[in-house]
Amino acid sequence: MISQIRIYTINKGEMDNFLKHFKEDIIPLHEKIGVPIAGAWVNRPQNEFIWVRTYKDKAEIEAKTKEFQAAVAAAGVKLGGNVAKMEVRDAESAFA
């Protein structure tokens, strides 16, 4: 299994708007395409939103990324409006 750790720096004063967008738009799209969100955290002092999603392998990351982009386009969802910086790290399970 591969976990994808995503750290977003949210524009100052936009965290609540981002969280609403994440809950109403992003989570349902992930559920639709079958990508589990393992957890999500807010680091308000640093304006950071940290979340983790999981995949079986690298091939699934590629396939689900394309599927997600198509779902976003079909839903007319705009991404990244509140995000100043995005960091993405893939990590394999140490105990697989």
PDB file of N, CA and C in Angstrom:
ATOM      1  N   MET A   1       0.838  -1.179   0.000  1.00  0.00           N
ATOM      2  CA  MET A   1       0.000   0.000   0.000  1.00  0.00           C
ATOM      3  C   MET A   1       0.882   1.241   0.000  1.00  0.00           C
ATOM      4  N   ILE A   2       0.422   2.256  -0.681  1.00  0.00           N
ATOM      5  CA  ILE A   2       1.118   3.543  -0.716  1.00  0.00           C
ATOM      6  C   ILE A   2       0.189   4.598  -0.142  1.00  0.00           C
ATOM      7  N   SER A   3       0.704   5.347   0.809  1.00  0.00           N
ATOM      8  CA  SER A   3      -0.039   6.486   1.342  1.00  0.00           C
ATOM      9  C   SER A   3       0.520   7.746   0.708  1.00  0.00           C
ATOM     10  N   GLN A   4      -0.365   8.632   0.373  1.00  0.00           N
ATOM     11  CA  GLN A   4       0.047   9.901  -0.198  1.00  0.00           C
ATOM     12  C   GLN A   4      -0.253  10.974   0.839  1.00  0.00           C
ATOM     13  N   ILE A   5       0.818  11.562   1.373  1.00  0.00           N
ATOM     14  CA  ILE A   5       0.689  12.605   2.382  1.00  0.00           C
ATOM     15  C   ILE A   5       0.703  13.941   1.647  1.00  0.00           C
ATOM     16  N   ARG A   6      -0.343  14.713   1.860  1.00  0.00           N
ATOM     17  CA  ARG A   6      -0.488  15.981   1.148  1.00  0.00           C
ATOM     18  C   ARG A   6      -0.550  17.109   2.172  1.00  0.00           C
ATOM     19  N   ILE A   7       0.333  18.091   2.028  1.00  0.00           N
ATOM     20  CA  ILE A   7       0.384  19.235   2.939  1.00  0.00           C
ATOM     21  C   ILE A   7       0.109  20.485   2.116  1.00  0.00           C
ATOM     22  N   TYR A   8      -1.000  21.132   2.438  1.00  0.00           N
ATOM     23  CA  TYR A   8      -1.383  22.352   1.733  1.00  0.00           C
ATOM     24  C   TYR A   8      -1.223  23.533   2.673  1.00  0.00           C
ATOM     25  N   THR A   9      -0.555  24.577   2.213  1.00  0.00           N
ATOM     26  CA  THR A   9      -0.554  25.850   2.924  1.00  0.00           C
ATOM     27  C   THR A   9      -1.726  26.639   2.359  1.00  0.00           C
ATOM     28  N   ILE A  10      -2.646  26.983   3.225  1.00  0.00           N
ATOM     29  CA  ILE A  10      -3.878  27.655   2.817  1.00  0.00           C
ATOM     30  C   ILE A  10      -3.684  29.167   2.934  1.00  0.00           C
ATOM     31  N   ASN A  11      -4.219  29.898   1.974  1.00  0.00           N
ATOM     32  CA  ASN A  11      -4.120  31.354   2.019  1.00  0.00           C
ATOM     33  C   ASN A  11      -4.664  31.891   3.344  1.00  0.00           C
ATOM     34  N   LYS A  12      -4.004  32.889   3.872  1.00  0.00           N
ATOM     35  CA  LYS A  12      -4.385  33.471   5.164  1.00  0.00           C
ATOM     36  C   LYS A  12      -5.864  33.868   5.161  1.00  0.00           C
ATOM     37  N   GLY A  13      -6.557  33.446   6.210  1.00  0.00           N
ATOM     38  CA  GLY A  13      -7.967  33.781   6.363  1.00  0.00           C
ATOM     39  C   GLY A  13      -8.920  32.910   5.551  1.00  0.00           C
ATOM     40  N   GLU A  14      -8.397  31.909   4.843  1.00  0.00           N
ATOM     41  CA  GLU A  14      -9.225  31.084   3.955  1.00  0.00           C
ATOM     42  C   GLU A  14      -9.449  29.652   4.448  1.00  0.00           C
ATOM     43  N   MET A  15      -8.948  29.318   5.650  1.00  0.00           N
ATOM     44  CA  MET A  15      -9.038  27.934   6.109  1.00  0.00           C
ATOM     45  C   MET A  15     -10.483  27.453   6.190  1.00  0.00           C
ATOM     46  N   ASP A  16     -11.361  28.223   6.780  1.00  0.00           N
ATOM     47  CA  ASP A  16     -12.753  27.784   6.917  1.00  0.00           C
ATOM     48  C   ASP A  16     -13.404  27.582   5.554  1.00  0.00           C
ATOM     49  N   ASN A  17     -13.145  28.471   4.610  1.00  0.00           N
ATOM     50  CA  ASN A  17     -13.673  28.296   3.249  1.00  0.00           C
ATOM     51  C   ASN A  17     -13.098  27.042   2.601  1.00  0.00           C
ATOM     52  N   PHE A  18     -11.799  26.811   2.800  1.00  0.00           N
ATOM     53  CA  PHE A  18     -11.178  25.617   2.243  1.00  0.00           C
ATOM     54  C   PHE A  18     -11.797  24.348   2.841  1.00  0.00           C
ATOM     55  N   LEU A  19     -11.980  24.328   4.163  1.00  0.00           N
ATOM     56  CA  LEU A  19     -12.551  23.150   4.819  1.00  0.00           C
ATOM     57  C   LEU A  19     -13.957  22.850   4.309  1.00  0.00           C
ATOM     58  N   LYS A  20     -14.746  23.887   4.080  1.00  0.00           N
ATOM     59  CA  LYS A  20     -16.088  23.712   3.520  1.00  0.00           C
ATOM     60  C   LYS A  20     -15.995  23.092   2.122  1.00  0.00           C
ATOM     61  N   HIS A  21     -15.110  23.624   1.300  1.00  0.00           N
ATOM     62  CA  HIS A  21     -14.884  23.117  -0.063  1.00  0.00           C
ATOM     63  C   HIS A  21     -14.418  21.655  -0.018  1.00  0.00           C
ATOM     64  N   PHE A  22     -13.509  21.350   0.887  1.00  0.00           N
ATOM     65  CA  PHE A  22     -12.995  19.989   1.000  1.00  0.00           C
ATOM     66  C   PHE A  22     -14.128  19.025   1.363  1.00  0.00           C
ATOM     67  N   LYS A  23     -14.913  19.417   2.361  1.00  0.00           N
ATOM     68  CA  LYS A  23     -16.008  18.553   2.827  1.00  0.00           C
ATOM     69  C   LYS A  23     -17.094  18.385   1.764  1.00  0.00           C
ATOM     70  N   GLU A  24     -17.459  19.465   1.097  1.00  0.00           N
ATOM     71  CA  GLU A  24     -18.582  19.423   0.157  1.00  0.00           C
ATOM     72  C   GLU A  24     -18.211  18.951  -1.239  1.00  0.00           C
ATOM     73  N   ASP A  25     -16.969  19.191  -1.660  1.00  0.00           N
ATOM     74  CA  ASP A  25     -16.574  18.874  -3.035  1.00  0.00           C
ATOM     75  C   ASP A  25     -15.536  17.748  -3.135  1.00  0.00           C
ATOM     76  N   ILE A  26     -14.480  17.850  -2.365  1.00  0.00           N
ATOM     77  CA  ILE A  26     -13.349  16.935  -2.522  1.00  0.00           C
ATOM     78  C   ILE A  26     -13.651  15.546  -1.968  1.00  0.00           C
ATOM     79  N   ILE A  27     -14.189  15.480  -0.762  1.00  0.00           N
ATOM     80  CA  ILE A  27     -14.498  14.170  -0.179  1.00  0.00           C
ATOM     81  C   ILE A  27     -15.472  13.386  -1.066  1.00  0.00           C
ATOM     82  N   PRO A  28     -16.584  13.978  -1.508  1.00  0.00           N
ATOM     83  CA  PRO A  28     -17.499  13.204  -2.362  1.00  0.00           C
ATOM     84  C   PRO A  28     -16.856  12.724  -3.666  1.00  0.00           C
ATOM     85  N   LEU A  29     -15.968  13.511  -4.258  1.00  0.00           N
ATOM     86  CA  LEU A  29     -15.290  13.072  -5.482  1.00  0.00           C
ATOM     87  C   LEU A  29     -14.379  11.882  -5.201  1.00  0.00           C
ATOM     88  N   HIS A  30     -13.706  11.908  -4.065  1.00  0.00           N
ATOM     89  CA  HIS A  30     -12.851  10.772  -3.695  1.00  0.00           C
ATOM     90  C   HIS A  30     -13.693   9.524  -3.447  1.00  0.00           C
ATOM     91  N   GLU A  31     -14.826   9.698  -2.791  1.00  0.00           N
ATOM     92  CA  GLU A  31     -15.717   8.562  -2.554  1.00  0.00           C
ATOM     93  C   GLU A  31     -16.226   7.997  -3.879  1.00  0.00           C
ATOM     94  N   LYS A  32     -16.545   8.884  -4.814  1.00  0.00           N
ATOM     95  CA  LYS A  32     -17.065   8.464  -6.118  1.00  0.00           C
ATOM     96  C   LYS A  32     -16.070   7.597  -6.887  1.00  0.00           C
ATOM     97  N   ILE A  33     -14.787   7.964  -6.840  1.00  0.00           N
ATOM     98  CA  ILE A  33     -13.795   7.211  -7.612  1.00  0.00           C
ATOM     99  C   ILE A  33     -13.117   6.105  -6.796  1.00  0.00           C
ATOM    100  N   GLY A  34     -13.468   6.005  -5.518  1.00  0.00           N
ATOM    101  CA  GLY A  34     -12.939   4.914  -4.701  1.00  0.00           C
ATOM    102  C   GLY A  34     -11.538   5.114  -4.172  1.00  0.00           C
ATOM    103  N   VAL A  35     -11.202   6.338  -3.799  1.00  0.00           N
ATOM    104  CA  VAL A  35      -9.901   6.611  -3.181  1.00  0.00           C
ATOM    105  C   VAL A  35     -10.142   6.973  -1.719  1.00  0.00           C
ATOM    106  N   PRO A  36      -9.711   6.092  -0.810  1.00  0.00           N
ATOM    107  CA  PRO A  36      -9.937   6.371   0.616  1.00  0.00           C
ATOM    108  C   PRO A  36      -9.093   7.539   1.126  1.00  0.00           C
ATOM    109  N   ILE A  37      -9.728   8.381   1.921  1.00  0.00           N
ATOM    110  CA  ILE A  37      -9.014   9.430   2.641  1.00  0.00           C
ATOM    111  C   ILE A  37      -8.820   8.891   4.051  1.00  0.00           C
ATOM    112  N   ALA A  38      -7.567   8.628   4.393  1.00  0.00           N
ATOM    113  CA  ALA A  38      -7.250   7.988   5.667  1.00  0.00           C
ATOM    114  C   ALA A  38      -7.370   8.938   6.851  1.00  0.00           C
ATOM    115  N   GLY A  39      -7.194  10.220   6.605  1.00  0.00           N
ATOM    116  CA  GLY A  39      -7.297  11.203   7.677  1.00  0.00           C
ATOM    117  C   GLY A  39      -6.986  12.592   7.174  1.00  0.00           C
ATOM    118  N   ALA A  40      -7.385  13.586   7.966  1.00  0.00           N
ATOM    119  CA  ALA A  40      -7.129  14.984   7.619  1.00  0.00           C
ATOM    120  C   ALA A  40      -6.969  15.777   8.911  1.00  0.00           C
ATOM    121  N   TRP A  41      -6.017  16.724   8.898  1.00  0.00           N
ATOM    122  CA  TRP A  41      -5.713  17.511  10.079  1.00  0.00           C
ATOM    123  C   TRP A  41      -5.502  18.972   9.684  1.00  0.00           C
ATOM    124  N   VAL A  42      -5.760  19.859  10.633  1.00  0.00           N
ATOM    125  CA  VAL A  42      -5.548  21.291  10.428  1.00  0.00           C
ATOM    126  C   VAL A  42      -4.495  21.770  11.412  1.00  0.00           C
ATOM    127  N   ASN A  43      -3.509  22.487  10.899  1.00  0.00           N
ATOM    128  CA  ASN A  43      -2.483  23.139  11.711  1.00  0.00           C
ATOM    129  C   ASN A  43      -2.714  24.644  11.509  1.00  0.00           C
ATOM    130  N   ARG A  44      -3.641  25.197  12.284  1.00  0.00           N
ATOM    131  CA  ARG A  44      -4.033  26.600  12.082  1.00  0.00           C
ATOM    132  C   ARG A  44      -2.894  27.607  12.266  1.00  0.00           C
ATOM    133  N   PRO A  45      -1.999  27.428  13.259  1.00  0.00           N
ATOM    134  CA  PRO A  45      -0.919  28.417  13.401  1.00  0.00           C
ATOM    135  C   PRO A  45      -0.064  28.554  12.131  1.00  0.00           C
ATOM    136  N   GLN A  46       0.054  27.483  11.356  1.00  0.00           N
ATOM    137  CA  GLN A  46       0.853  27.512  10.132  1.00  0.00           C
ATOM    138  C   GLN A  46      -0.008  27.593   8.865  1.00  0.00           C
ATOM    139  N   ASN A  47      -1.328  27.731   9.039  1.00  0.00           N
ATOM    140  CA  ASN A  47      -2.261  27.741   7.892  1.00  0.00           C
ATOM    141  C   ASN A  47      -2.078  26.493   7.023  1.00  0.00           C
ATOM    142  N   GLU A  48      -1.896  25.338   7.678  1.00  0.00           N
ATOM    143  CA  GLU A  48      -1.684  24.094   6.942  1.00  0.00           C
ATOM    144  C   GLU A  48      -2.875  23.157   7.074  1.00  0.00           C
ATOM    145  N   PHE A  49      -3.152  22.478   5.968  1.00  0.00           N
ATOM    146  CA  PHE A  49      -4.125  21.398   5.946  1.00  0.00           C
ATOM    147  C   PHE A  49      -3.363  20.167   5.493  1.00  0.00           C
ATOM    148  N   ILE A  50      -3.356  19.137   6.319  1.00  0.00           N
ATOM    149  CA  ILE A  50      -2.594  17.920   6.040  1.00  0.00           C
ATOM    150  C   ILE A  50      -3.585  16.770   5.908  1.00  0.00           C
ATOM    151  N   TRP A  51      -3.460  16.025   4.825  1.00  0.00           N
ATOM    152  CA  TRP A  51      -4.360  14.892   4.659  1.00  0.00           C
ATOM    153  C   TRP A  51      -3.646  13.741   3.985  1.00  0.00           C
ATOM    154  N   VAL A  52      -4.212  12.544   4.163  1.00  0.00           N
ATOM    155  CA  VAL A  52      -3.587  11.329   3.651  1.00  0.00           C
ATOM    156  C   VAL A  52      -4.634  10.534   2.887  1.00  0.00           C
ATOM    157  N   ARG A  53      -4.246  10.100   1.696  1.00  0.00           N
ATOM    158  CA  ARG A  53      -5.100   9.183   0.939  1.00  0.00           C
ATOM    159  C   ARG A  53      -4.267   7.963   0.582  1.00  0.00           C
ATOM    160  N   THR A  54      -4.936   6.833   0.358  1.00  0.00           N
ATOM    161  CA  THR A  54      -4.207   5.578   0.171  1.00  0.00           C
ATOM    162  C   THR A  54      -4.524   4.920  -1.170  1.00  0.00           C
ATOM    163  N   TYR A  55      -3.528   4.185  -1.666  1.00  0.00           N
ATOM    164  CA  TYR A  55      -3.614   3.467  -2.931  1.00  0.00           C
ATOM    165  C   TYR A  55      -2.967   2.099  -2.780  1.00  0.00           C
ATOM    166  N   LYS A  56      -3.324   1.177  -3.675  1.00  0.00           N
ATOM    167  CA  LYS A  56      -2.709  -0.154  -3.670  1.00  0.00           C
ATOM    168  C   LYS A  56      -1.262  -0.095  -4.131  1.00  0.00           C
ATOM    169  N   ASP A  57      -1.012   0.692  -5.211  1.00  0.00           N
ATOM    170  CA  ASP A  57       0.324   0.740  -5.808  1.00  0.00           C
ATOM    171  C   ASP A  57       0.447   1.976  -6.700  1.00  0.00           C
ATOM    172  N   LYS A  58       1.625   2.148  -7.304  1.00  0.00           N
ATOM    173  CA  LYS A  58       1.880   3.315  -8.171  1.00  0.00           C
ATOM    174  C   LYS A  58       0.930   3.355  -9.370  1.00  0.00           C
ATOM    175  N   ALA A  59       0.632   2.190  -9.929  1.00  0.00           N
ATOM    176  CA  ALA A  59      -0.279   2.137 -11.081  1.00  0.00           C
ATOM    177  C   ALA A  59      -1.653   2.675 -10.703  1.00  0.00           C
ATOM    178  N   GLU A  60      -2.101   2.353  -9.500  1.00  0.00           N
ATOM    179  CA  GLU A  60      -3.406   2.861  -9.070  1.00  0.00           C
ATOM    180  C   GLU A  60      -3.364   4.372  -8.871  1.00  0.00           C
ATOM    181  N   ILE A  61      -2.249   4.897  -8.387  1.00  0.00           N
ATOM    182  CA  ILE A  61      -2.128   6.359  -8.240  1.00  0.00           C
ATOM    183  C   ILE A  61      -2.346   7.021  -9.595  1.00  0.00           C
ATOM    184  N   GLU A  62      -1.669   6.515 -10.612  1.00  0.00           N
ATOM    185  CA  GLU A  62      -1.786   7.097 -11.950  1.00  0.00           C
ATOM    186  C   GLU A  62      -3.209   6.987 -12.488  1.00  0.00           C
ATOM    187  N   ALA A  63      -3.809   5.821 -12.367  1.00  0.00           N
ATOM    188  CA  ALA A  63      -5.162   5.605 -12.890  1.00  0.00           C
ATOM    189  C   ALA A  63      -6.184   6.457 -12.143  1.00  0.00           C
ATOM    190  N   LYS A  64      -6.090   6.489 -10.826  1.00  0.00           N
ATOM    191  CA  LYS A  64      -7.059   7.239 -10.020  1.00  0.00           C
ATOM    192  C   LYS A  64      -6.873   8.742 -10.166  1.00  0.00           C
ATOM    193  N   THR A  65      -5.644   9.181 -10.422  1.00  0.00           N
ATOM    194  CA  THR A  65      -5.411  10.608 -10.668  1.00  0.00           C
ATOM    195  C   THR A  65      -6.155  11.048 -11.918  1.00  0.00           C
ATOM    196  N   LYS A  66      -6.074  10.257 -12.981  1.00  0.00           N
ATOM    197  CA  LYS A  66      -6.807  10.575 -14.212  1.00  0.00           C
ATOM    198  C   LYS A  66      -8.303  10.538 -13.976  1.00  0.00           C
ATOM    199  N   GLU A  67      -8.754   9.549 -13.222  1.00  0.00           N
ATOM    200  CA  GLU A  67     -10.176   9.422 -12.911  1.00  0.00           C
ATOM    201  C   GLU A  67     -10.656  10.617 -12.083  1.00  0.00           C
ATOM    202  N   PHE A  68      -9.838  11.052 -11.137  1.00  0.00           N
ATOM    203  CA  PHE A  68     -10.186  12.206 -10.306  1.00  0.00           C
ATOM    204  C   PHE A  68     -10.286  13.474 -11.147  1.00  0.00           C
ATOM    205  N   GLN A  69      -9.318  13.684 -12.032  1.00  0.00           N
ATOM    206  CA  GLN A  69      -9.340  14.867 -12.889  1.00  0.00           C
ATOM    207  C   GLN A  69     -10.585  14.890 -13.771  1.00  0.00           C
ATOM    208  N   ALA A  70     -10.974  13.741 -14.286  1.00  0.00           N
ATOM    209  CA  ALA A  70     -12.196  13.656 -15.098  1.00  0.00           C
ATOM    210  C   ALA A  70     -13.427  13.946 -14.254  1.00  0.00           C
ATOM    211  N   ALA A  71     -13.462  13.436 -13.026  1.00  0.00           N
ATOM    212  CA  ALA A  71     -14.604  13.675 -12.136  1.00  0.00           C
ATOM    213  C   ALA A  71     -14.702  15.147 -11.753  1.00  0.00           C
ATOM    214  N   VAL A  72     -13.565  15.787 -11.525  1.00  0.00           N
ATOM    215  CA  VAL A  72     -13.531  17.220 -11.209  1.00  0.00           C
ATOM    216  C   VAL A  72     -14.100  18.021 -12.375  1.00  0.00           C
ATOM    217  N   ALA A  73     -13.636  17.715 -13.576  1.00  0.00           N
ATOM    218  CA  ALA A  73     -14.115  18.418 -14.767  1.00  0.00           C
ATOM    219  C   ALA A  73     -15.612  18.207 -14.963  1.00  0.00           C
ATOM    220  N   ALA A  74     -16.068  16.975 -14.805  1.00  0.00           N
ATOM    221  CA  ALA A  74     -17.497  16.669 -14.995  1.00  0.00           C
ATOM    222  C   ALA A  74     -18.365  17.382 -13.966  1.00  0.00           C
ATOM    223  N   ALA A  75     -17.856  17.538 -12.756  1.00  0.00           N
ATOM    224  CA  ALA A  75     -18.617  18.189 -11.683  1.00  0.00           C
ATOM    225  C   ALA A  75     -18.495  19.706 -11.730  1.00  0.00           C
ATOM    226  N   GLY A  76     -17.557  20.221 -12.529  1.00  0.00           N
ATOM    227  CA  GLY A  76     -17.345  21.658 -12.599  1.00  0.00           C
ATOM    228  C   GLY A  76     -16.723  22.240 -11.339  1.00  0.00           C
ATOM    229  N   VAL A  77     -15.960  21.429 -10.634  1.00  0.00           N
ATOM    230  CA  VAL A  77     -15.320  21.867  -9.389  1.00  0.00           C
ATOM    231  C   VAL A  77     -14.018  22.580  -9.717  1.00  0.00           C
ATOM    232  N   LYS A  78     -13.794  23.724  -9.053  1.00  0.00           N
ATOM    233  CA  LYS A  78     -12.543  24.452  -9.213  1.00  0.00           C
ATOM    234  C   LYS A  78     -11.630  24.087  -8.055  1.00  0.00           C
ATOM    235  N   LEU A  79     -10.417  23.665  -8.373  1.00  0.00           N
ATOM    236  CA  LEU A  79      -9.450  23.271  -7.349  1.00  0.00           C
ATOM    237  C   LEU A  79      -8.399  24.347  -7.123  1.00  0.00           C
ATOM    238  N   GLY A  80      -7.888  24.408  -5.904  1.00  0.00           N
ATOM    239  CA  GLY A  80      -6.714  25.219  -5.612  1.00  0.00           C
ATOM    240  C   GLY A  80      -6.945  26.692  -5.353  1.00  0.00           C
ATOM    241  N   GLY A  81      -8.177  27.142  -5.330  1.00  0.00           N
ATOM    242  CA  GLY A  81      -8.441  28.563  -5.141  1.00  0.00           C
ATOM    243  C   GLY A  81      -7.970  29.120  -3.811  1.00  0.00           C
ATOM    244  N   ASN A  82      -7.924  28.289  -2.785  1.00  0.00           N
ATOM    245  CA  ASN A  82      -7.515  28.730  -1.451  1.00  0.00           C
ATOM    246  C   ASN A  82      -6.107  28.279  -1.091  1.00  0.00           C
ATOM    247  N   VAL A  83      -5.448  27.567  -1.991  1.00  0.00           N
ATOM    248  CA  VAL A  83      -4.167  26.940  -1.678  1.00  0.00           C
ATOM    249  C   VAL A  83      -3.003  27.782  -2.195  1.00  0.00           C
ATOM    250  N   ALA A  84      -2.118  28.179  -1.264  1.00  0.00           N
ATOM    251  CA  ALA A  84      -0.943  28.957  -1.630  1.00  0.00           C
ATOM    252  C   ALA A  84       0.207  28.051  -2.047  1.00  0.00           C
ATOM    253  N   LYS A  85       0.310  26.871  -1.409  1.00  0.00           N
ATOM    254  CA  LYS A  85       1.426  25.956  -1.660  1.00  0.00           C
ATOM    255  C   LYS A  85       0.943  24.536  -1.406  1.00  0.00           C
ATOM    256  N   MET A  86       1.431  23.597  -2.218  1.00  0.00           N
ATOM    257  CA  MET A  86       1.052  22.205  -2.070  1.00  0.00           C
ATOM    258  C   MET A  86       2.310  21.338  -2.085  1.00  0.00           C
ATOM    259  N   GLU A  87       2.399  20.434  -1.106  1.00  0.00           N
ATOM    260  CA  GLU A  87       3.496  19.477  -1.040  1.00  0.00           C
ATOM    261  C   GLU A  87       2.885  18.084  -0.997  1.00  0.00           C
ATOM    262  N   VAL A  88       3.391  17.172  -1.848  1.00  0.00           N
ATOM    263  CA  VAL A  88       2.860  15.817  -1.916  1.00  0.00           C
ATOM    264  C   VAL A  88       4.018  14.837  -1.760  1.00  0.00           C
ATOM    265  N   ARG A  89       3.829  13.869  -0.854  1.00  0.00           N
ATOM    266  CA  ARG A  89       4.839  12.831  -0.638  1.00  0.00           C
ATOM    267  C   ARG A  89       4.168  11.468  -0.684  1.00  0.00           C
ATOM    268  N   ASP A  90       4.749  10.552  -1.439  1.00  0.00           N
ATOM    269  CA  ASP A  90       4.282   9.167  -1.462  1.00  0.00           C
ATOM    270  C   ASP A  90       5.159   8.355  -0.521  1.00  0.00           C
ATOM    271  N   ALA A  91       4.509   7.518   0.307  1.00  0.00           N
ATOM    272  CA  ALA A  91       5.249   6.691   1.253  1.00  0.00           C
ATOM    273  C   ALA A  91       4.659   5.297   1.274  1.00  0.00           C
ATOM    274  N   GLU A  92       5.535   4.295   1.139  1.00  0.00           N
ATOM    275  CA  GLU A  92       5.094   2.899   1.196  1.00  0.00           C
ATOM    276  C   GLU A  92       5.021   2.458   2.649  1.00  0.00           C
ATOM    277  N   SER A  93       4.115   1.542   2.912  1.00  0.00           N
ATOM    278  CA  SER A  93       3.963   0.997   4.259  1.00  0.00           C
ATOM    279  C   SER A  93       5.258   0.310   4.692  1.00  0.00           C
ATOM    280  N   ALA A  94       5.688   0.585   5.894  1.00  0.00           N
ATOM    281  CA  ALA A  94       6.902  -0.023   6.432  1.00  0.00           C
ATOM    282  C   ALA A  94       6.633  -1.438   6.943  1.00  0.00           C
ATOM    283  N   PHE A  95       5.363  -1.770   7.113  1.00  0.00           N
ATOM    284  CA  PHE A  95       5.006  -3.066   7.695  1.00  0.00           C
ATOM    285  C   PHE A  95       4.097  -3.869   6.802  1.00  0.00           C
ATOM    286  N   ALA A  96       4.285  -3.770   5.492  1.00  0.00           N
ATOM    287  CA  ALA A  96       3.422  -4.494   4.545  1.00  0.00           C
ATOM    288  C   ALA A  96       3.671  -5.971   4.599  1.00  0.00           C
TER     289      ALA A  96
END
